[in-house]
């Protein structure tokens, strides 16, 4: 995914320090799995999406994640109502 973020922005959204990210670039190092998870969280994507080769994957933003969480808490009938409502919008 190309977002055009600077190291500062990536650090800000991921909760990592800018110096950590800068070190990865300058020393050609790979982040640890926990650090990579923080990056994915900051980008609003899963690790599967991060590693996916298909560039057409939908990014899972915080808002989309909230909708999916809310959707999961609905029963079958409520989900049907929401789907019908969305189709008619």
C-alpha atoms as a PDB file:
ATOM      1  CA  UNK A   1       0.000   0.000   0.000  1.00  0.00           C
ATOM      2  CA  UNK A   2       1.244   3.381  -0.888  1.00  0.00           C
ATOM      3  CA  UNK A   3       0.196   6.138   1.453  1.00  0.00           C
ATOM      4  CA  UNK A   4       2.989   8.575   0.924  1.00  0.00           C
ATOM      5  CA  UNK A   5       3.611   8.858   4.655  1.00  0.00           C
ATOM      6  CA  UNK A   6       6.865  10.164   6.012  1.00  0.00           C
ATOM      7  CA  UNK A   7       8.785   8.259   8.688  1.00  0.00           C
ATOM      8  CA  UNK A   8       7.354  10.757  11.169  1.00  0.00           C
ATOM      9  CA  UNK A   9       3.756  10.002  10.140  1.00  0.00           C
ATOM     10  CA  UNK A  10       4.323   6.247  10.228  1.00  0.00           C
ATOM     11  CA  UNK A  11       5.841   6.585  13.697  1.00  0.00           C
ATOM     12  CA  UNK A  12       2.949   8.760  14.862  1.00  0.00           C
ATOM     13  CA  UNK A  13       0.236   6.341  13.719  1.00  0.00           C
ATOM     14  CA  UNK A  14       2.052   3.140  14.701  1.00  0.00           C
ATOM     15  CA  UNK A  15       3.254   4.219  18.139  1.00  0.00           C
ATOM     16  CA  UNK A  16       6.865   3.469  17.244  1.00  0.00           C
ATOM     17  CA  UNK A  17       9.662   5.998  17.433  1.00  0.00           C
ATOM     18  CA  UNK A  18      10.821   7.737  14.301  1.00  0.00           C
ATOM     19  CA  UNK A  19      14.395   6.737  15.104  1.00  0.00           C
ATOM     20  CA  UNK A  20      13.387   3.049  15.103  1.00  0.00           C
ATOM     21  CA  UNK A  21      11.826   3.352  11.665  1.00  0.00           C
ATOM     22  CA  UNK A  22      14.762   5.391  10.386  1.00  0.00           C
ATOM     23  CA  UNK A  23      17.193   2.715  11.624  1.00  0.00           C
ATOM     24  CA  UNK A  24      15.303   0.025   9.702  1.00  0.00           C
ATOM     25  CA  UNK A  25      15.750   2.018   6.504  1.00  0.00           C
ATOM     26  CA  UNK A  26      19.329   3.127   7.015  1.00  0.00           C
ATOM     27  CA  UNK A  27      20.604  -0.274   8.152  1.00  0.00           C
ATOM     28  CA  UNK A  28      18.295  -2.284   5.873  1.00  0.00           C
ATOM     29  CA  UNK A  29      16.855  -4.121   8.889  1.00  0.00           C
ATOM     30  CA  UNK A  30      13.539  -5.904   9.210  1.00  0.00           C
ATOM     31  CA  UNK A  31      11.052  -5.017  11.958  1.00  0.00           C
ATOM     32  CA  UNK A  32      10.122  -7.603  14.568  1.00  0.00           C
ATOM     33  CA  UNK A  33       6.674  -9.198  14.402  1.00  0.00           C
ATOM     34  CA  UNK A  34       5.347  -7.050  17.289  1.00  0.00           C
ATOM     35  CA  UNK A  35       6.666  -3.916  15.567  1.00  0.00           C
ATOM     36  CA  UNK A  36       5.151  -5.013  12.277  1.00  0.00           C
ATOM     37  CA  UNK A  37       1.824  -5.498  14.039  1.00  0.00           C
ATOM     38  CA  UNK A  38       2.046  -1.915  15.325  1.00  0.00           C
ATOM     39  CA  UNK A  39       2.696  -0.699  11.801  1.00  0.00           C
ATOM     40  CA  UNK A  40      -0.314  -2.621  10.501  1.00  0.00           C
ATOM     41  CA  UNK A  41      -2.475  -1.252  13.299  1.00  0.00           C
ATOM     42  CA  UNK A  42      -1.329   2.246  12.431  1.00  0.00           C
ATOM     43  CA  UNK A  43      -2.142   1.686   8.777  1.00  0.00           C
ATOM     44  CA  UNK A  44      -5.500   0.166   9.690  1.00  0.00           C
ATOM     45  CA  UNK A  45      -4.760  -3.112   7.951  1.00  0.00           C
ATOM     46  CA  UNK A  46      -4.112  -6.717   8.919  1.00  0.00           C
ATOM     47  CA  UNK A  47      -0.770  -8.426   8.507  1.00  0.00           C
ATOM     48  CA  UNK A  48      -2.386 -10.536   5.785  1.00  0.00           C
ATOM     49  CA  UNK A  49      -3.209  -7.378   3.886  1.00  0.00           C
ATOM     50  CA  UNK A  50       0.300  -6.054   4.482  1.00  0.00           C
ATOM     51  CA  UNK A  51       1.856  -9.116   2.870  1.00  0.00           C
ATOM     52  CA  UNK A  52      -0.781  -9.607   0.178  1.00  0.00           C
ATOM     53  CA  UNK A  53       0.392  -9.236  -3.378  1.00  0.00           C
ATOM     54  CA  UNK A  54      -3.041  -8.200  -4.603  1.00  0.00           C
ATOM     55  CA  UNK A  55      -3.032  -4.397  -4.599  1.00  0.00           C
ATOM     56  CA  UNK A  56      -6.821  -4.274  -4.912  1.00  0.00           C
ATOM     57  CA  UNK A  57      -7.442  -5.378  -1.325  1.00  0.00           C
ATOM     58  CA  UNK A  58      -9.665  -3.084   0.682  1.00  0.00           C
ATOM     59  CA  UNK A  59      -7.826  -1.389   3.476  1.00  0.00           C
ATOM     60  CA  UNK A  60      -9.335  -1.949   6.883  1.00  0.00           C
ATOM     61  CA  UNK A  61      -9.516   1.527   8.373  1.00  0.00           C
ATOM     62  CA  UNK A  62     -10.515   2.144  11.975  1.00  0.00           C
ATOM     63  CA  UNK A  63     -14.005   3.056  10.809  1.00  0.00           C
ATOM     64  CA  UNK A  64     -14.355  -0.138   8.761  1.00  0.00           C
ATOM     65  CA  UNK A  65     -13.060  -2.189  11.665  1.00  0.00           C
ATOM     66  CA  UNK A  66     -15.682  -0.578  13.941  1.00  0.00           C
ATOM     67  CA  UNK A  67     -18.432  -1.397  11.433  1.00  0.00           C
ATOM     68  CA  UNK A  68     -17.278  -5.018  11.267  1.00  0.00           C
ATOM     69  CA  UNK A  69     -17.145  -5.241  15.054  1.00  0.00           C
ATOM     70  CA  UNK A  70     -20.659  -3.804  15.281  1.00  0.00           C
ATOM     71  CA  UNK A  71     -21.844  -6.149  12.542  1.00  0.00           C
ATOM     72  CA  UNK A  72     -20.497  -9.153  14.454  1.00  0.00           C
ATOM     73  CA  UNK A  73     -22.564  -8.215  17.483  1.00  0.00           C
ATOM     74  CA  UNK A  74     -25.832  -8.237  15.492  1.00  0.00           C
ATOM     75  CA  UNK A  75     -28.059 -11.295  15.312  1.00  0.00           C
ATOM     76  CA  UNK A  76     -29.122 -12.748  11.956  1.00  0.00           C
ATOM     77  CA  UNK A  77     -32.339 -10.726  11.752  1.00  0.00           C
ATOM     78  CA  UNK A  78     -30.568  -7.473  12.583  1.00  0.00           C
ATOM     79  CA  UNK A  79     -27.923  -8.189   9.945  1.00  0.00           C
ATOM     80  CA  UNK A  80     -30.669  -8.767   7.379  1.00  0.00           C
ATOM     81  CA  UNK A  81     -32.282  -5.437   8.272  1.00  0.00           C
ATOM     82  CA  UNK A  82     -28.957  -3.605   7.918  1.00  0.00           C
ATOM     83  CA  UNK A  83     -28.241  -5.280   4.558  1.00  0.00           C
ATOM     84  CA  UNK A  84     -31.716  -4.365   3.263  1.00  0.00           C
ATOM     85  CA  UNK A  85     -31.274  -0.794   4.454  1.00  0.00           C
ATOM     86  CA  UNK A  86     -27.901  -0.489   2.729  1.00  0.00           C
ATOM     87  CA  UNK A  87     -29.286  -1.895  -0.528  1.00  0.00           C
ATOM     88  CA  UNK A  88     -32.000   0.760  -0.493  1.00  0.00           C
ATOM     89  CA  UNK A  89     -29.672   3.685   0.184  1.00  0.00           C
END
